[in-house]
C-alpha atoms as a PDB file:
ATOM      1  CA  MET A   1     334.147 125.128  -2.278  1.00  0.00           C
ATOM      2  CA  LYS A   2     333.364 128.866  -2.092  1.00  0.00           C
ATOM      3  CA  ASN A   3     329.814 130.082  -1.737  1.00  0.00           C
ATOM      4  CA  PRO A   4     328.904 131.953  -4.996  1.00  0.00           C
ATOM      5  CA  TRP A   5     326.366 134.120  -3.157  1.00  0.00           C
ATOM      6  CA  LEU A   6     329.009 135.263  -0.719  1.00  0.00           C
ATOM      7  CA  CYS A   7     331.349 136.231  -3.578  1.00  0.00           C
ATOM      8  CA  GLN A   8     328.603 138.113  -5.451  1.00  0.00           C
ATOM      9  CA  GLY A   9     327.509 139.856  -2.270  1.00  0.00           C
ATOM     10  CA  SER A  10     331.090 140.896  -1.513  1.00  0.00           C
ATOM     11  CA  LEU A  11     331.491 142.268  -5.035  1.00  0.00           C
ATOM     12  CA  PHE A  12     328.249 144.225  -4.670  1.00  0.00           C
ATOM     13  CA  LEU A  13     329.452 145.780  -1.402  1.00  0.00           C
ATOM     14  CA  VAL A  14     332.759 146.746  -3.021  1.00  0.00           C
ATOM     15  CA  PHE A  15     330.792 148.313  -5.911  1.00  0.00           C
ATOM     16  CA  LEU A  16     328.675 150.362  -3.468  1.00  0.00           C
ATOM     17  CA  LEU A  17     331.799 151.423  -1.591  1.00  0.00           C
ATOM     18  CA  PHE A  18     333.383 152.833  -4.737  1.00  0.00           C
ATOM     19  CA  THR A  19     330.281 154.292  -6.372  1.00  0.00           C
ATOM     20  CA  GLY A  20     328.386 155.447  -3.316  1.00  0.00           C
ATOM     21  CA  CYS A  21     324.687 154.901  -2.840  1.00  0.00           C
ATOM     22  CA  GLY A  22     323.413 158.421  -2.273  1.00  0.00           C
ATOM     23  CA  GLY A  23     323.218 159.478  -5.912  1.00  0.00           C
ATOM     24  CA  PRO A  24     325.052 162.429  -7.408  1.00  0.00           C
ATOM     25  CA  LYS A  25     326.450 165.041  -5.014  1.00  0.00           C
ATOM     26  CA  ARG A  26     324.383 168.225  -5.056  1.00  0.00           C
ATOM     27  CA  PRO A  27     326.259 171.383  -6.090  1.00  0.00           C
ATOM     28  CA  ASP A  28     327.316 173.684  -3.279  1.00  0.00           C
ATOM     29  CA  GLY A  29     324.666 176.264  -2.486  1.00  0.00           C
ATOM     30  CA  LEU A  30     321.866 174.510  -4.381  1.00  0.00           C
ATOM     31  CA  PRO A  31     318.705 175.518  -2.537  1.00  0.00           C
ATOM     32  CA  GLN A  32     315.802 173.230  -1.770  1.00  0.00           C
ATOM     33  CA  LEU A  33     314.011 172.204  -4.959  1.00  0.00           C
ATOM     34  CA  TYR A  34     310.258 171.944  -5.386  1.00  0.00           C
ATOM     35  CA  PRO A  35     308.805 169.464  -7.883  1.00  0.00           C
ATOM     36  CA  CYS A  36     306.801 171.112 -10.622  1.00  0.00           C
ATOM     37  CA  SER A  37     305.595 170.484 -14.144  1.00  0.00           C
ATOM     38  CA  ILE A  38     304.747 172.860 -16.946  1.00  0.00           C
ATOM     39  CA  LEU A  39     302.147 172.274 -19.641  1.00  0.00           C
ATOM     40  CA  VAL A  40     303.107 174.138 -22.818  1.00  0.00           C
ATOM     41  CA  LEU A  41     300.277 174.972 -25.220  1.00  0.00           C
ATOM     42  CA  GLN A  42     300.586 176.362 -28.718  1.00  0.00           C
ATOM     43  CA  GLY A  43     297.326 177.285 -30.404  1.00  0.00           C
ATOM     44  CA  ASP A  44     295.448 175.506 -27.601  1.00  0.00           C
ATOM     45  CA  LYS A  45     297.271 172.245 -28.347  1.00  0.00           C
ATOM     46  CA  PRO A  46     300.080 170.597 -26.342  1.00  0.00           C
ATOM     47  CA  LEU A  47     303.546 171.373 -27.786  1.00  0.00           C
ATOM     48  CA  GLU A  48     305.747 168.318 -27.756  1.00  0.00           C
ATOM     49  CA  LYS A  49     309.556 168.122 -27.959  1.00  0.00           C
ATOM     50  CA  ALA A  50     310.055 171.770 -26.979  1.00  0.00           C
ATOM     51  CA  GLN A  51     312.984 172.941 -24.855  1.00  0.00           C
ATOM     52  CA  ILE A  52     311.808 174.834 -21.768  1.00  0.00           C
ATOM     53  CA  THR A  53     314.212 177.016 -19.804  1.00  0.00           C
ATOM     54  CA  LEU A  54     313.399 178.812 -16.548  1.00  0.00           C
ATOM     55  CA  ILE A  55     315.584 181.864 -15.903  1.00  0.00           C
ATOM     56  CA  GLN A  56     315.471 182.962 -12.285  1.00  0.00           C
ATOM     57  CA  GLN A  57     314.832 186.707 -11.845  1.00  0.00           C
ATOM     58  CA  ASP A  58     314.908 187.179  -8.056  1.00  0.00           C
ATOM     59  CA  ASN A  59     318.269 185.732  -7.109  1.00  0.00           C
ATOM     60  CA  ASP A  60     321.545 186.785  -5.577  1.00  0.00           C
ATOM     61  CA  GLY A  61     323.450 186.536  -8.856  1.00  0.00           C
ATOM     62  CA  THR A  62     323.493 182.737  -8.830  1.00  0.00           C
ATOM     63  CA  ARG A  63     321.594 181.237 -11.753  1.00  0.00           C
ATOM     64  CA  TRP A  64     320.584 177.636 -11.557  1.00  0.00           C
ATOM     65  CA  ILE A  65     319.967 175.918 -14.885  1.00  0.00           C
ATOM     66  CA  VAL A  66     316.342 174.800 -14.711  1.00  0.00           C
ATOM     67  CA  GLY A  67     314.184 173.300 -17.467  1.00  0.00           C
ATOM     68  CA  GLY A  68     313.557 170.257 -19.599  1.00  0.00           C
ATOM     69  CA  ILE A  69     311.942 168.966 -22.789  1.00  0.00           C
ATOM     70  CA  THR A  70     308.193 168.475 -23.179  1.00  0.00           C
ATOM     71  CA  GLY A  71     306.759 165.048 -23.865  1.00  0.00           C
ATOM     72  CA  GLU A  72     303.955 164.057 -26.236  1.00  0.00           C
ATOM     73  CA  ASN A  73     301.404 165.562 -23.860  1.00  0.00           C
ATOM     74  CA  GLY A  74     303.190 168.936 -23.912  1.00  0.00           C
ATOM     75  CA  GLU A  75     304.298 168.588 -20.246  1.00  0.00           C
ATOM     76  CA  VAL A  76     307.725 168.710 -18.740  1.00  0.00           C
ATOM     77  CA  ASP A  77     308.771 167.864 -15.211  1.00  0.00           C
ATOM     78  CA  VAL A  78     311.452 170.467 -14.664  1.00  0.00           C
ATOM     79  CA  ALA A  79     314.859 169.651 -13.289  1.00  0.00           C
ATOM     80  CA  THR A  80     317.777 171.703 -12.104  1.00  0.00           C
ATOM     81  CA  TYR A  81     321.022 170.945 -13.928  1.00  0.00           C
ATOM     82  CA  GLY A  82     319.106 168.286 -15.807  1.00  0.00           C
ATOM     83  CA  GLN A  83     319.325 165.804 -12.944  1.00  0.00           C
ATOM     84  CA  TYR A  84     317.842 167.262  -9.771  1.00  0.00           C
ATOM     85  CA  PRO A  85     314.020 167.129  -9.927  1.00  0.00           C
ATOM     86  CA  GLY A  86     312.308 170.457  -9.291  1.00  0.00           C
ATOM     87  CA  ALA A  87     313.195 174.126  -9.183  1.00  0.00           C
ATOM     88  CA  PRO A  88     314.161 176.585  -6.449  1.00  0.00           C
ATOM     89  CA  LEU A  89     311.395 178.870  -5.212  1.00  0.00           C
ATOM     90  CA  GLY A  90     311.164 182.178  -7.010  1.00  0.00           C
ATOM     91  CA  GLU A  91     310.248 184.264 -10.054  1.00  0.00           C
ATOM     92  CA  TYR A  92     311.282 183.027 -13.476  1.00  0.00           C
ATOM     93  CA  LYS A  93     311.148 184.139 -17.069  1.00  0.00           C
ATOM     94  CA  VAL A  94     310.288 181.173 -19.280  1.00  0.00           C
ATOM     95  CA  THR A  95     311.734 180.602 -22.736  1.00  0.00           C
ATOM     96  CA  VAL A  96     310.408 177.968 -25.146  1.00  0.00           C
ATOM     97  CA  THR A  97     312.234 176.809 -28.256  1.00  0.00           C
ATOM     98  CA  LYS A  98     311.522 174.157 -30.810  1.00  0.00           C
ATOM     99  CA  ASN A  99     313.430 173.772 -34.065  1.00  0.00           C
ATOM    100  CA  GLU A 100     313.221 171.510 -37.047  1.00  0.00           C
ATOM    101  CA  GLN A 101     315.974 170.667 -39.535  1.00  0.00           C
ATOM    102  CA  ILE A 102     315.160 169.555 -43.071  1.00  0.00           C
ATOM    103  CA  MET A 103     317.810 168.167 -45.424  1.00  0.00           C
ATOM    104  CA  VAL A 104     317.601 170.042 -48.711  1.00  0.00           C
ATOM    105  CA  ALA A 105     320.656 168.461 -50.359  1.00  0.00           C
ATOM    106  CA  PRO A 106     322.231 165.143 -49.333  1.00  0.00           C
ATOM    107  CA  SER A 107     325.936 164.855 -48.658  1.00  0.00           C
ATOM    108  CA  SER A 108     328.087 163.831 -51.599  1.00  0.00           C
ATOM    109  CA  ALA A 109     331.719 163.628 -52.640  1.00  0.00           C
ATOM    110  CA  MET A 110     331.511 167.401 -53.192  1.00  0.00           C
ATOM    111  CA  GLY A 111     330.745 168.122 -49.546  1.00  0.00           C
ATOM    112  CA  PRO A 112     328.417 167.777 -46.627  1.00  0.00           C
ATOM    113  CA  GLY A 113     324.657 167.875 -46.929  1.00  0.00           C
ATOM    114  CA  LYS A 114     322.683 171.099 -46.757  1.00  0.00           C
ATOM    115  CA  PHE A 115     320.011 171.671 -44.119  1.00  0.00           C
ATOM    116  CA  ASP A 116     317.409 174.343 -43.594  1.00  0.00           C
ATOM    117  CA  THR A 117     316.502 175.055 -39.970  1.00  0.00           C
ATOM    118  CA  TYR A 118     313.082 176.313 -38.925  1.00  0.00           C
ATOM    119  CA  THR A 119     311.851 177.630 -35.628  1.00  0.00           C
ATOM    120  CA  LEU A 120     308.422 176.365 -34.673  1.00  0.00           C
ATOM    121  CA  VAL A 121     307.779 178.834 -31.839  1.00  0.00           C
ATOM    122  CA  GLU A 122     307.266 182.586 -32.259  1.00  0.00           C
ATOM    123  CA  THR A 123     310.632 184.324 -31.744  1.00  0.00           C
ATOM    124  CA  GLU A 124     309.465 186.456 -28.788  1.00  0.00           C
ATOM    125  CA  PHE A 125     309.084 183.296 -26.657  1.00  0.00           C
ATOM    126  CA  THR A 126     312.618 182.048 -27.398  1.00  0.00           C
ATOM    127  CA  ARG A 127     314.686 184.793 -25.709  1.00  0.00           C
ATOM    128  CA  GLU A 128     314.946 186.012 -22.123  1.00  0.00           C
ATOM    129  CA  ASP A 129     314.789 189.670 -23.106  1.00  0.00           C
ATOM    130  CA  THR A 130     311.583 189.313 -25.150  1.00  0.00           C
ATOM    131  CA  THR A 131     309.563 186.488 -23.619  1.00  0.00           C
ATOM    132  CA  PRO A 132     306.328 187.574 -21.982  1.00  0.00           C
ATOM    133  CA  LEU A 133     306.134 184.261 -20.085  1.00  0.00           C
ATOM    134  CA  THR A 134     306.722 184.327 -16.352  1.00  0.00           C
ATOM    135  CA  LEU A 135     306.259 181.745 -13.648  1.00  0.00           C
ATOM    136  CA  HIS A 136     306.395 181.930  -9.882  1.00  0.00           C
ATOM    137  CA  VAL A 137     307.488 178.655  -8.272  1.00  0.00           C
ATOM    138  CA  VAL A 138     305.870 178.474  -4.861  1.00  0.00           C
ATOM    139  CA  LYS A 139     305.512 175.794  -2.203  1.00  0.00           C
ATOM    140  CA  GLY A 140     302.513 173.554  -2.859  1.00  0.00           C
ATOM    141  CA  THR A 141     301.912 174.501  -6.518  1.00  0.00           C
ATOM    142  CA  LYS A 142     303.125 171.699  -8.715  1.00  0.00           C
ATOM    143  CA  LYS A 143     301.469 172.334 -12.093  1.00  0.00           C
ATOM    144  CA  TYR A 144     301.908 175.386 -14.272  1.00  0.00           C
ATOM    145  CA  GLN A 145     300.733 176.234 -17.778  1.00  0.00           C
ATOM    146  CA  VAL A 146     302.126 178.560 -20.459  1.00  0.00           C
ATOM    147  CA  GLU A 147     300.829 179.493 -23.917  1.00  0.00           C
ATOM    148  CA  VAL A 148     303.268 180.221 -26.758  1.00  0.00           C
ATOM    149  CA  GLY A 149     300.978 181.777 -29.354  1.00  0.00           C
ATOM    150  CA  LYS A 150     300.089 180.340 -32.704  1.00  0.00           C
ATOM    151  CA  PRO A 151     302.017 177.651 -34.579  1.00  0.00           C
ATOM    152  CA  VAL A 152     304.725 179.055 -36.840  1.00  0.00           C
ATOM    153  CA  ARG A 153     307.392 177.725 -39.171  1.00  0.00           C
ATOM    154  CA  GLU A 154     310.019 180.367 -39.815  1.00  0.00           C
ATOM    155  CA  ARG A 155     313.264 179.603 -41.622  1.00  0.00           C
ATOM    156  CA  THR A 156     316.199 180.635 -39.499  1.00  0.00           C
ATOM    157  CA  VAL A 157     319.376 179.071 -40.852  1.00  0.00           C
ATOM    158  CA  SER A 158     320.517 177.440 -44.042  1.00  0.00           C
ATOM    159  CA  MET A 159     323.690 175.331 -43.791  1.00  0.00           C
END
């Protein structure tokens, strides 16, 4: 009679052999990343479910995708490429976006539903060329804070 533990152990080793155990391979040239979080405030209150993007300004032409989505407490632990915790050292412009879609007409046999889309962050904070928000990721500093003005609800798209 075969030992079931031996069979399960052998299968686990085969699984590790094929999948690897070091996690995802880092992209070539990805510099050292430094863990950091950003607290996003809007009107002195935490802004939840906002998309934060850090756009590196002092680089050699290589732009790493850095950012994340804030939680209920308005904080986000940034990640590079969405899976590598932290950000490379350097100067960044910070964009913050948060949208809301509201159904104004349900779908029917005549066609798809109609939605109105609203932006919930002042437009200047949503674009690299207009955002006044900057951040300098340095060794040792792990918490940052940005303020995105007053709460707004501006209609942007009707579909």
